[in-house]
N, C-alpha and C. Protein backbone atom coordinates (compact mmCIF):
# COMPACT_ATOMS: atom_id res chain seq x y z
N UNK A 1 -58.96 -11.61 10.13
CA UNK A 1 -57.77 -11.83 10.24
C UNK A 1 -57.16 -11.68 11.64
N UNK A 2 -56.37 -12.53 12.14
CA UNK A 2 -55.70 -12.48 13.53
C UNK A 2 -54.22 -12.22 13.38
N UNK A 3 -53.57 -11.25 14.14
CA UNK A 3 -52.33 -11.12 14.25
C UNK A 3 -51.74 -11.52 15.67
N UNK A 4 -50.95 -12.47 15.61
CA UNK A 4 -50.44 -13.30 16.76
C UNK A 4 -48.99 -13.09 16.99
N UNK A 5 -48.60 -12.61 18.11
CA UNK A 5 -47.20 -12.48 18.73
C UNK A 5 -46.78 -13.95 18.93
N UNK A 6 -45.60 -14.31 18.51
CA UNK A 6 -44.99 -15.74 18.81
C UNK A 6 -43.71 -15.62 19.32
N UNK A 7 -43.20 -16.61 19.97
CA UNK A 7 -42.03 -16.80 20.49
C UNK A 7 -41.65 -18.29 19.92
N UNK A 8 -40.76 -18.35 19.14
CA UNK A 8 -40.23 -19.72 18.52
C UNK A 8 -38.89 -20.12 19.15
N UNK A 9 -39.14 -21.37 19.67
CA UNK A 9 -37.89 -22.11 20.17
C UNK A 9 -37.46 -23.21 19.44
N UNK A 10 -36.33 -22.96 18.48
CA UNK A 10 -35.79 -23.77 17.56
C UNK A 10 -35.04 -24.78 18.23
N UNK A 11 -34.76 -25.96 17.44
CA UNK A 11 -33.82 -27.03 17.93
C UNK A 11 -34.48 -27.66 19.25
N UNK A 12 -35.69 -27.75 19.34
CA UNK A 12 -36.41 -28.41 20.43
C UNK A 12 -36.49 -29.81 20.19
N UNK A 13 -36.81 -30.51 21.15
CA UNK A 13 -36.82 -32.11 21.06
C UNK A 13 -38.07 -32.66 20.33
N UNK A 14 -39.14 -31.85 20.17
CA UNK A 14 -40.37 -32.13 19.30
C UNK A 14 -41.06 -30.89 19.03
N UNK A 15 -41.74 -30.95 17.90
CA UNK A 15 -42.64 -29.90 17.46
C UNK A 15 -43.79 -29.97 18.32
N UNK A 16 -44.18 -28.69 19.01
CA UNK A 16 -45.31 -28.59 19.80
C UNK A 16 -45.70 -27.29 20.14
N UNK A 17 -46.97 -27.01 20.15
CA UNK A 17 -47.70 -25.66 20.64
C UNK A 17 -47.55 -25.72 22.18
N UNK A 18 -46.82 -24.84 22.67
CA UNK A 18 -46.89 -24.73 24.23
C UNK A 18 -48.21 -24.01 24.79
N UNK A 19 -48.47 -22.96 23.96
CA UNK A 19 -49.48 -22.20 24.49
C UNK A 19 -49.29 -20.78 24.70
N UNK A 20 -50.40 -20.12 25.22
CA UNK A 20 -49.94 -18.62 25.33
C UNK A 20 -49.46 -18.23 26.79
N UNK A 21 -48.52 -17.47 26.73
CA UNK A 21 -48.09 -16.80 27.88
C UNK A 21 -47.89 -15.36 27.82
N UNK A 22 -48.51 -14.72 28.73
CA UNK A 22 -48.68 -13.06 28.70
C UNK A 22 -48.94 -12.55 27.15
N UNK A 23 -49.96 -13.11 26.46
CA UNK A 23 -50.17 -12.62 25.30
C UNK A 23 -49.34 -13.11 24.14
N UNK A 24 -48.37 -14.03 24.30
CA UNK A 24 -47.43 -14.48 23.39
C UNK A 24 -47.56 -15.93 23.23
N UNK A 25 -47.73 -16.44 21.88
CA UNK A 25 -48.00 -17.98 21.84
C UNK A 25 -46.63 -18.40 21.50
N UNK A 26 -46.28 -19.58 22.32
CA UNK A 26 -44.79 -20.16 22.34
C UNK A 26 -44.92 -21.38 21.59
N UNK A 27 -44.03 -21.53 20.58
CA UNK A 27 -43.90 -22.72 19.79
C UNK A 27 -42.49 -23.51 19.84
N UNK A 28 -42.51 -24.50 19.99
CA UNK A 28 -41.27 -25.25 19.86
C UNK A 28 -41.24 -26.19 18.55
N UNK A 29 -40.08 -25.99 17.96
CA UNK A 29 -39.87 -26.63 16.52
C UNK A 29 -38.43 -27.32 16.56
N UNK A 30 -38.41 -28.50 16.06
CA UNK A 30 -37.14 -29.21 15.98
C UNK A 30 -36.27 -28.50 15.03
N UNK A 31 -36.60 -27.77 13.93
CA UNK A 31 -35.82 -27.12 12.97
C UNK A 31 -34.69 -26.10 13.69
N UNK A 32 -33.74 -26.07 13.03
CA UNK A 32 -32.67 -24.96 13.35
C UNK A 32 -33.09 -23.77 12.87
N UNK A 33 -32.48 -22.65 13.35
CA UNK A 33 -32.89 -21.25 12.85
C UNK A 33 -31.98 -21.05 11.82
N UNK A 34 -31.89 -21.68 10.64
CA UNK A 34 -30.97 -21.52 9.57
C UNK A 34 -31.86 -21.38 8.28
N UNK A 35 -31.57 -20.56 7.26
CA UNK A 35 -32.29 -20.51 6.04
C UNK A 35 -33.78 -20.49 6.08
N UNK A 36 -34.23 -20.10 7.23
CA UNK A 36 -35.73 -19.97 7.27
C UNK A 36 -36.42 -21.30 7.67
N UNK A 37 -35.61 -22.32 8.24
CA UNK A 37 -36.45 -23.68 8.40
C UNK A 37 -37.14 -23.42 9.58
N UNK A 38 -36.83 -22.95 10.66
CA UNK A 38 -37.46 -22.74 11.82
C UNK A 38 -38.71 -21.88 11.63
N UNK A 39 -38.74 -20.75 10.54
CA UNK A 39 -39.89 -20.21 10.46
C UNK A 39 -40.95 -21.04 9.63
N UNK A 40 -40.46 -21.82 8.53
CA UNK A 40 -41.40 -22.74 7.89
C UNK A 40 -42.05 -23.91 8.84
N UNK A 41 -41.19 -24.25 9.80
CA UNK A 41 -41.82 -25.21 10.77
C UNK A 41 -42.84 -24.46 11.61
N UNK A 42 -42.56 -23.33 12.08
CA UNK A 42 -43.43 -22.71 13.01
C UNK A 42 -44.79 -22.50 12.23
N UNK A 43 -44.86 -22.15 10.87
CA UNK A 43 -45.91 -22.02 10.14
C UNK A 43 -46.62 -23.14 9.99
N UNK A 44 -45.95 -24.22 9.62
CA UNK A 44 -46.68 -25.61 9.53
C UNK A 44 -47.23 -25.99 10.72
N UNK A 45 -46.52 -25.90 11.76
CA UNK A 45 -47.09 -26.34 13.19
C UNK A 45 -48.34 -25.58 13.57
N UNK A 46 -48.27 -24.15 13.35
CA UNK A 46 -49.55 -23.38 13.80
C UNK A 46 -50.74 -23.59 12.81
N UNK A 47 -50.37 -23.84 11.64
CA UNK A 47 -51.56 -24.18 10.76
C UNK A 47 -52.30 -25.51 10.87
N UNK A 48 -51.29 -26.50 11.19
CA UNK A 48 -51.81 -27.79 11.63
C UNK A 48 -52.67 -27.73 12.82
N UNK A 49 -52.07 -27.10 13.74
CA UNK A 49 -52.89 -26.87 15.20
C UNK A 49 -54.23 -26.29 15.07
N UNK A 50 -54.18 -25.21 14.05
CA UNK A 50 -55.43 -24.40 14.06
C UNK A 50 -56.43 -25.24 12.97
N UNK A 51 -55.92 -26.32 12.22
CA UNK A 51 -56.67 -26.99 11.47
C UNK A 51 -56.95 -26.18 10.00
N UNK A 52 -56.22 -25.42 9.62
CA UNK A 52 -56.24 -24.49 8.47
C UNK A 52 -55.16 -24.80 7.39
N UNK A 53 -55.30 -24.45 6.04
CA UNK A 53 -54.10 -24.75 5.20
C UNK A 53 -52.93 -23.82 5.66
N UNK A 54 -51.67 -24.39 5.32
CA UNK A 54 -50.59 -23.58 5.61
C UNK A 54 -50.49 -22.19 5.07
N UNK A 55 -51.03 -22.04 3.62
CA UNK A 55 -51.18 -20.86 2.94
C UNK A 55 -51.78 -19.70 3.65
N UNK A 56 -52.47 -20.01 4.67
CA UNK A 56 -53.31 -19.01 5.53
C UNK A 56 -52.64 -18.51 6.58
N UNK A 57 -51.27 -18.97 6.77
CA UNK A 57 -50.51 -18.41 7.89
C UNK A 57 -49.26 -17.82 7.30
N UNK A 58 -48.85 -16.76 7.81
CA UNK A 58 -47.50 -16.22 7.36
C UNK A 58 -46.77 -15.30 8.46
N UNK A 59 -45.58 -15.58 8.42
CA UNK A 59 -44.88 -14.56 9.40
C UNK A 59 -44.65 -13.30 8.67
N UNK A 60 -44.97 -12.13 9.45
CA UNK A 60 -44.97 -10.87 8.94
C UNK A 60 -43.78 -10.06 9.56
N UNK A 61 -43.28 -10.40 10.68
CA UNK A 61 -42.28 -9.58 11.47
C UNK A 61 -41.41 -10.71 12.19
N UNK A 62 -40.18 -10.27 12.32
CA UNK A 62 -39.22 -10.97 13.05
C UNK A 62 -38.74 -12.16 12.44
N UNK A 63 -38.43 -12.25 11.08
CA UNK A 63 -38.09 -13.53 10.32
C UNK A 63 -36.60 -14.03 10.88
N UNK A 64 -35.62 -13.20 11.53
CA UNK A 64 -34.48 -13.63 11.83
C UNK A 64 -34.50 -13.55 13.55
N UNK A 65 -35.65 -13.51 14.12
CA UNK A 65 -35.67 -13.30 15.50
C UNK A 65 -36.43 -14.50 16.06
N UNK A 66 -36.24 -14.79 17.30
CA UNK A 66 -37.17 -15.68 18.00
C UNK A 66 -38.55 -15.07 18.28
N UNK A 67 -38.60 -13.70 18.38
CA UNK A 67 -39.89 -13.10 18.64
C UNK A 67 -40.37 -12.78 17.25
N UNK A 68 -41.58 -13.18 17.06
CA UNK A 68 -42.17 -12.96 15.74
C UNK A 68 -43.52 -12.44 15.66
N UNK A 69 -44.18 -12.14 14.47
CA UNK A 69 -45.73 -11.88 14.46
C UNK A 69 -46.09 -12.61 13.29
N UNK A 70 -47.10 -13.19 13.39
CA UNK A 70 -47.79 -14.22 12.27
C UNK A 70 -49.34 -13.63 12.14
N UNK A 71 -49.57 -13.45 10.83
CA UNK A 71 -50.97 -13.37 10.39
C UNK A 71 -51.75 -14.58 10.13
N UNK A 72 -52.99 -14.87 10.58
CA UNK A 72 -53.67 -15.97 10.32
C UNK A 72 -54.72 -15.45 9.59
N UNK A 73 -55.18 -15.81 8.43
CA UNK A 73 -56.27 -15.40 7.59
C UNK A 73 -57.47 -16.33 7.94
N UNK A 74 -58.56 -15.92 8.02
CA UNK A 74 -59.93 -16.55 8.02
C UNK A 74 -60.24 -16.70 9.42
N UNK A 75 -59.53 -16.47 10.49
CA UNK A 75 -59.68 -16.54 11.83
C UNK A 75 -59.45 -15.38 12.64
N UNK A 76 -60.37 -15.01 13.70
CA UNK A 76 -60.06 -14.02 14.72
C UNK A 76 -59.21 -14.51 15.68
N UNK A 77 -58.58 -13.50 16.53
CA UNK A 77 -57.73 -13.83 17.46
C UNK A 77 -58.45 -14.77 18.61
N UNK A 78 -59.70 -14.50 18.95
CA UNK A 78 -60.47 -15.21 19.84
C UNK A 78 -60.64 -16.67 19.44
N UNK A 79 -60.84 -16.83 17.90
CA UNK A 79 -60.81 -18.16 17.47
C UNK A 79 -59.62 -18.88 17.46
N UNK A 80 -58.55 -18.10 17.31
CA UNK A 80 -57.27 -18.89 17.56
C UNK A 80 -57.13 -19.15 18.94
N UNK A 81 -57.29 -18.42 19.86
CA UNK A 81 -57.13 -18.75 21.20
C UNK A 81 -58.00 -20.07 21.64
N UNK A 82 -59.17 -20.10 21.29
CA UNK A 82 -60.03 -21.26 21.55
C UNK A 82 -59.52 -22.57 20.81
N UNK A 83 -58.81 -22.52 19.86
CA UNK A 83 -58.29 -23.72 19.19
C UNK A 83 -57.13 -24.31 19.72
N UNK A 84 -56.19 -23.31 20.43
CA UNK A 84 -54.88 -23.57 21.01
C UNK A 84 -54.89 -23.79 22.53
N UNK A 85 -53.96 -24.50 22.89
CA UNK A 85 -53.73 -24.68 24.42
C UNK A 85 -53.60 -23.33 25.28
N UNK A 86 -54.00 -23.18 26.51
CA UNK A 86 -53.97 -21.96 27.03
C UNK A 86 -52.62 -21.59 27.44
N UNK A 87 -51.53 -22.53 27.64
CA UNK A 87 -50.27 -22.32 28.14
C UNK A 87 -50.06 -22.16 29.57
N UNK A 88 -49.11 -21.64 30.01
CA UNK A 88 -48.83 -21.46 31.43
C UNK A 88 -47.56 -20.78 31.87
């Protein structure tokens, strides 16, 4: 299981995985940070980018913050990094 630090940017123009910066994975989601919509979008985006079911990704910290932590079942942190863009 991988624990990933996330920075979620809500209300973006498009949903996309920006990549890792200083150990934090940046995600841009179109959803607003209201009623957990941005969290659900972040989980869906991350699962789709990793090619795994959404049920294997969950936010474990930072539910009401842009800075979050997510658990990814069935992948190591190294496997996650290999499947996602490096960022910049």
